Amino acid sequence: MAYLVVRMKGTVNVPYGANYTLENLNLEKKFRATILPENPQSLGMLRKVKDLVAWTSADVQIIRELLEKRGRRPGSKPLSESAHRL
């Protein structure tokens, strides 16, 4: 399984350590999402930034729905149909 993580708070008044962790999670902007593997290292990073993000266990259906509705390639181009077949 995996964690689906969404950054809920902005960039103002974020401590340096938490900001560094968010950058490593590729969550630089508000309302960005990422998928992390369920392991102790990921859980430790999430606990460090628990006040700035929301996360849940994600199954294949949730990930597929997220990619279909909101998935983008670099340059804000939409994903093709073949890109989000899991």
C-alpha atoms as a PDB file:
ATOM      1  CA  MET A   1       0.000   0.000   0.000  1.00  0.00           C
ATOM      2  CA  ALA A   2       0.929   3.654  -0.108  1.00  0.00           C
ATOM      3  CA  TYR A   3       0.181   6.992   1.522  1.00  0.00           C
ATOM      4  CA  LEU A   4      -1.539   9.764  -0.398  1.00  0.00           C
ATOM      5  CA  VAL A   5      -0.211  13.058   1.013  1.00  0.00           C
ATOM      6  CA  VAL A   6      -1.617  16.543   0.319  1.00  0.00           C
ATOM      7  CA  ARG A   7      -0.072  19.806   1.520  1.00  0.00           C
ATOM      8  CA  MET A   8      -2.823  21.830   3.177  1.00  0.00           C
ATOM      9  CA  LYS A   9      -1.010  24.925   4.463  1.00  0.00           C
ATOM     10  CA  GLY A  10       0.974  27.541   2.593  1.00  0.00           C
ATOM     11  CA  THR A  11       4.596  28.632   2.809  1.00  0.00           C
ATOM     12  CA  VAL A  12       4.360  31.439   5.385  1.00  0.00           C
ATOM     13  CA  ASN A  13       5.832  30.809   8.866  1.00  0.00           C
ATOM     14  CA  VAL A  14       6.969  27.257   8.099  1.00  0.00           C
ATOM     15  CA  PRO A  15      10.005  26.167  10.160  1.00  0.00           C
ATOM     16  CA  TYR A  16      13.176  25.409   8.204  1.00  0.00           C
ATOM     17  CA  GLY A  17      13.224  21.702   9.089  1.00  0.00           C
ATOM     18  CA  ALA A  18       9.604  21.217   8.084  1.00  0.00           C
ATOM     19  CA  ASN A  19      10.146  23.154   4.849  1.00  0.00           C
ATOM     20  CA  TYR A  20      13.152  20.993   3.992  1.00  0.00           C
ATOM     21  CA  THR A  21      11.088  17.853   4.586  1.00  0.00           C
ATOM     22  CA  LEU A  22       8.247  19.170   2.417  1.00  0.00           C
ATOM     23  CA  GLU A  23      10.703  19.917  -0.400  1.00  0.00           C
ATOM     24  CA  ASN A  24      12.015  16.344  -0.169  1.00  0.00           C
ATOM     25  CA  LEU A  25       8.427  15.101  -0.428  1.00  0.00           C
ATOM     26  CA  ASN A  26       7.887  17.277  -3.567  1.00  0.00           C
ATOM     27  CA  LEU A  27       5.235  19.333  -1.777  1.00  0.00           C
ATOM     28  CA  GLU A  28       6.508  22.850  -2.469  1.00  0.00           C
ATOM     29  CA  LYS A  29       3.094  24.459  -3.044  1.00  0.00           C
ATOM     30  CA  LYS A  30      -0.258  24.379  -1.283  1.00  0.00           C
ATOM     31  CA  PHE A  31      -2.681  21.611  -2.404  1.00  0.00           C
ATOM     32  CA  ARG A  32      -0.015  19.540  -4.151  1.00  0.00           C
ATOM     33  CA  ALA A  33      -0.278  15.793  -3.699  1.00  0.00           C
ATOM     34  CA  THR A  34       2.244  12.974  -3.739  1.00  0.00           C
ATOM     35  CA  ILE A  35       2.235   9.224  -3.179  1.00  0.00           C
ATOM     36  CA  LEU A  36       4.674   7.691  -0.705  1.00  0.00           C
ATOM     37  CA  PRO A  37       5.381   4.045   0.126  1.00  0.00           C
ATOM     38  CA  GLU A  38       4.202   2.833   3.516  1.00  0.00           C
ATOM     39  CA  ASN A  39       7.462   2.409   5.431  1.00  0.00           C
ATOM     40  CA  PRO A  40       8.902   3.750   8.697  1.00  0.00           C
ATOM     41  CA  GLN A  41      10.912   6.474   6.935  1.00  0.00           C
ATOM     42  CA  SER A  42       7.854   7.918   5.189  1.00  0.00           C
ATOM     43  CA  LEU A  43       5.824   7.789   8.385  1.00  0.00           C
ATOM     44  CA  GLY A  44       8.584   9.643  10.252  1.00  0.00           C
ATOM     45  CA  MET A  45       8.636  12.391   7.627  1.00  0.00           C
ATOM     46  CA  LEU A  46       4.851  12.696   7.773  1.00  0.00           C
ATOM     47  CA  ARG A  47       4.876  12.970  11.550  1.00  0.00           C
ATOM     48  CA  LYS A  48       7.439  15.775  11.289  1.00  0.00           C
ATOM     49  CA  VAL A  49       5.123  17.850   9.063  1.00  0.00           C
ATOM     50  CA  LYS A  50       1.807  16.644  10.505  1.00  0.00           C
ATOM     51  CA  ASP A  51       0.507  20.184  11.033  1.00  0.00           C
ATOM     52  CA  LEU A  52       1.061  21.136   7.380  1.00  0.00           C
ATOM     53  CA  VAL A  53      -0.196  18.078   5.482  1.00  0.00           C
ATOM     54  CA  ALA A  54      -3.038  15.582   5.397  1.00  0.00           C
ATOM     55  CA  TRP A  55      -2.505  11.937   4.488  1.00  0.00           C
ATOM     56  CA  THR A  56      -4.375   8.680   4.160  1.00  0.00           C
ATOM     57  CA  SER A  57      -3.726   5.146   3.016  1.00  0.00           C
ATOM     58  CA  ALA A  58      -4.391   5.041  -0.701  1.00  0.00           C
ATOM     59  CA  ASP A  59      -5.617   2.108  -2.704  1.00  0.00           C
ATOM     60  CA  VAL A  60      -5.527   1.680  -6.469  1.00  0.00           C
ATOM     61  CA  GLN A  61      -9.029   3.119  -6.973  1.00  0.00           C
ATOM     62  CA  ILE A  62      -8.227   6.394  -5.155  1.00  0.00           C
ATOM     63  CA  ILE A  63      -4.958   6.843  -7.052  1.00  0.00           C
ATOM     64  CA  ARG A  64      -6.620   6.120 -10.397  1.00  0.00           C
ATOM     65  CA  GLU A  65      -9.407   8.633  -9.707  1.00  0.00           C
ATOM     66  CA  LEU A  66      -6.916  11.312  -8.647  1.00  0.00           C
ATOM     67  CA  LEU A  67      -4.818  10.848 -11.783  1.00  0.00           C
ATOM     68  CA  GLU A  68      -7.871  10.903 -14.063  1.00  0.00           C
ATOM     69  CA  LYS A  69      -9.256  14.117 -12.589  1.00  0.00           C
ATOM     70  CA  ARG A  70      -6.156  16.115 -11.610  1.00  0.00           C
ATOM     71  CA  GLY A  71      -3.047  14.417 -13.041  1.00  0.00           C
ATOM     72  CA  ARG A  72      -0.699  16.637 -15.056  1.00  0.00           C
ATOM     73  CA  ARG A  73       2.615  16.169 -16.837  1.00  0.00           C
ATOM     74  CA  PRO A  74       5.364  18.792 -16.672  1.00  0.00           C
ATOM     75  CA  GLY A  75       4.220  21.945 -18.410  1.00  0.00           C
ATOM     76  CA  SER A  76       0.633  21.499 -17.129  1.00  0.00           C
ATOM     77  CA  LYS A  77      -0.206  19.122 -19.964  1.00  0.00           C
ATOM     78  CA  PRO A  78      -2.933  16.558 -19.209  1.00  0.00           C
ATOM     79  CA  LEU A  79      -2.062  12.910 -18.868  1.00  0.00           C
ATOM     80  CA  SER A  80      -2.875  10.621 -21.782  1.00  0.00           C
ATOM     81  CA  GLU A  81      -5.287   7.724 -21.305  1.00  0.00           C
ATOM     82  CA  SER A  82      -2.485   5.165 -21.366  1.00  0.00           C
ATOM     83  CA  ALA A  83      -0.484   6.995 -18.672  1.00  0.00           C
ATOM     84  CA  HIS A  84      -2.827   6.261 -15.782  1.00  0.00           C
ATOM     85  CA  ARG A  85      -3.697   2.620 -16.361  1.00  0.00           C
ATOM     86  CA  LEU A  86      -2.681   0.793 -13.210  1.00  0.00           C
END
